Protein backbone atom coordinates (compact mmCIF):
# COMPACT_ATOMS: atom_id res chain seq x y z
CA MET A 1 -81.35 -55.76 28.88
CA LYS A 2 -84.42 -58.00 29.25
CA ARG A 3 -82.27 -60.66 30.91
CA ALA A 4 -80.94 -58.16 33.43
CA VAL A 5 -84.44 -56.95 34.29
CA ALA A 6 -85.73 -60.52 34.59
CA ALA A 7 -82.78 -61.49 36.81
CA CYS A 8 -83.34 -58.42 38.96
CA LEU A 9 -87.06 -59.19 39.32
CA MET A 10 -86.34 -62.79 40.22
CA ALA A 11 -83.78 -61.73 42.82
CA SER A 12 -86.24 -59.20 44.26
CA ALA A 13 -89.03 -61.75 44.40
CA ALA A 14 -86.79 -64.26 46.13
CA ALA A 15 -86.13 -61.72 48.87
CA LEU A 16 -89.85 -61.25 49.57
CA PRO A 17 -91.46 -63.33 52.30
CA GLY A 18 -93.49 -66.12 50.78
CA CYS A 19 -91.54 -66.10 47.52
CA GLN A 20 -88.81 -68.46 48.63
CA ALA A 21 -89.24 -72.16 48.08
CA GLU A 22 -90.44 -73.73 51.29
CA THR A 23 -88.20 -76.31 52.84
CA PRO A 24 -90.13 -79.43 53.85
CA LYS A 25 -91.09 -79.39 57.51
CA GLU A 26 -90.09 -82.18 59.82
CA PRO A 27 -93.10 -84.21 61.00
CA GLU A 28 -94.45 -82.96 64.30
CA ARG A 29 -93.80 -85.25 67.22
CA GLY A 30 -96.67 -87.72 67.50
CA ALA A 31 -98.19 -86.69 64.16
CA ARG A 32 -99.58 -89.48 62.02
CA ARG A 33 -101.02 -89.48 58.53
CA PRO A 34 -104.56 -90.87 58.27
CA PRO A 35 -104.66 -94.30 56.58
CA GLU A 36 -105.35 -94.27 52.84
CA PRO A 37 -108.74 -96.05 53.16
CA ALA A 38 -109.94 -93.20 55.43
CA CYS A 39 -108.60 -90.66 52.95
CA GLU A 40 -110.48 -92.25 50.06
CA ARG A 41 -113.74 -92.52 52.01
CA ALA A 42 -113.54 -88.87 53.11
CA ARG A 43 -112.80 -87.74 49.53
CA ARG A 44 -115.72 -89.76 48.15
CA SER A 45 -118.07 -88.30 50.74
CA LEU A 46 -116.92 -84.73 50.06
CA ASN A 47 -117.14 -85.24 46.29
CA ARG A 48 -120.69 -86.55 46.68
CA GLN A 49 -121.66 -83.44 48.63
CA GLY A 50 -120.24 -81.21 45.91
CA ARG A 51 -122.04 -82.81 42.97
CA ASP A 52 -124.55 -79.96 42.67
CA GLY A 53 -121.85 -77.25 42.85
CA SER A 54 -122.98 -75.80 46.18
CA PHE A 55 -119.89 -77.21 47.92
CA LEU A 56 -116.27 -77.04 46.75
CA TYR A 57 -113.15 -78.02 48.64
CA GLU A 58 -109.39 -78.10 48.30
CA GLU A 59 -107.14 -80.70 49.84
CA THR A 60 -105.52 -77.94 51.88
CA GLY A 61 -108.55 -77.78 54.20
CA ALA A 62 -110.23 -74.80 52.54
CA ALA A 63 -113.84 -75.14 51.42
CA MET A 64 -116.73 -73.08 50.07
CA ILE A 65 -120.35 -73.95 50.75
CA ASP A 66 -123.58 -72.21 49.91
CA ARG A 67 -124.46 -70.25 53.05
CA GLU A 68 -128.02 -71.61 53.12
CA ASN A 69 -126.74 -75.20 53.00
CA TRP A 70 -124.35 -74.44 55.88
CA LEU A 71 -127.17 -73.02 57.98
CA ARG A 72 -129.32 -76.11 57.27
CA LEU A 73 -126.64 -78.42 58.68
CA ASN A 74 -127.03 -79.27 62.34
CA GLU A 75 -123.98 -79.19 64.62
CA GLY A 76 -123.25 -82.88 64.05
CA GLY A 77 -123.40 -82.42 60.26
CA ARG A 78 -121.01 -79.48 60.44
CA ASP A 79 -118.63 -81.44 62.66
CA ARG A 80 -118.65 -84.41 60.23
CA LEU A 81 -117.95 -82.09 57.30
CA ILE A 82 -115.06 -80.46 59.17
CA GLU A 83 -113.65 -83.85 60.20
CA GLN A 84 -113.79 -85.14 56.61
CA LEU A 85 -111.99 -82.00 55.41
CA ALA A 86 -109.37 -82.52 58.14
CA VAL A 87 -108.79 -86.13 57.07
CA VAL A 88 -108.33 -85.10 53.42
CA ALA A 89 -106.00 -82.24 54.41
CA GLY A 90 -104.03 -84.59 56.67
CA CYS A 91 -103.68 -87.07 53.83
CA ALA A 92 -102.55 -84.40 51.36
CA ALA A 93 -100.02 -82.70 53.65
CA ALA A 94 -96.39 -83.04 52.57
CA THR A 95 -95.49 -84.24 56.06
CA PRO A 96 -97.75 -85.73 58.74
CA GLN A 97 -99.45 -83.00 60.78
CA ARG A 98 -100.77 -83.16 64.31
CA GLU A 99 -103.39 -80.50 63.45
CA VAL A 100 -104.67 -78.99 60.22
CA GLU A 101 -106.51 -75.71 59.76
CA ILE A 102 -109.96 -75.97 58.22
CA THR A 103 -111.59 -72.83 56.84
CA ILE A 104 -115.08 -72.93 55.39
CA ARG A 105 -116.38 -69.87 53.56
CA ALA A 106 -119.71 -68.88 52.09
CA GLU A 107 -119.97 -68.17 48.39
CA THR A 108 -119.51 -64.46 49.25
CA GLY A 109 -116.15 -65.12 50.92
CA GLU A 110 -117.54 -64.76 54.45
CA VAL A 111 -115.75 -67.10 56.87
CA LEU A 112 -118.36 -69.46 58.30
CA THR A 113 -115.90 -71.36 60.48
CA ARG A 114 -112.17 -71.69 60.99
CA ARG A 115 -110.81 -74.42 63.23
CA ARG A 116 -107.61 -76.29 63.95
CA VAL A 117 -108.51 -79.96 63.91
CA VAL A 118 -106.65 -83.17 64.66
CA PRO A 119 -107.24 -85.40 61.61
CA SER A 120 -108.68 -88.73 62.63
CA THR A 121 -106.58 -91.79 61.95
CA ASP A 122 -109.67 -93.95 62.49
CA PHE A 123 -110.43 -96.03 59.39
CA ARG A 124 -114.18 -95.39 59.78
CA THR A 125 -113.85 -91.59 59.38
CA GLY A 126 -115.78 -90.40 56.37
CA ALA A 127 -117.84 -93.56 56.30
CA ASP A 128 -120.34 -93.85 53.47
């Protein structure tokens, strides 16, 4: 009986959107993965920013930052942070992407910014 219920649940879940295994996407025309040195530099920079726990990020392009720290950043600082997140997300993507979505939230879950960004393939991105 338990096997039948488990099989039924698995079949039901497979029919739901988002429950099927994703097939790998073909690379977008003209998409390039950032070079590994740029990926490492961007990761190091982001990890340095998160040492005190007020900034966390995932390689998918999602990040959380203390709202006060976000407000203290000038426009250039925000743009650099977003670009570094885009490089890391571009490096981590299963296939090269022309654009990646970056979403930065406050610790309360409030969306501070959401952008589609072209990850830089410039080696200097995320420079120390």
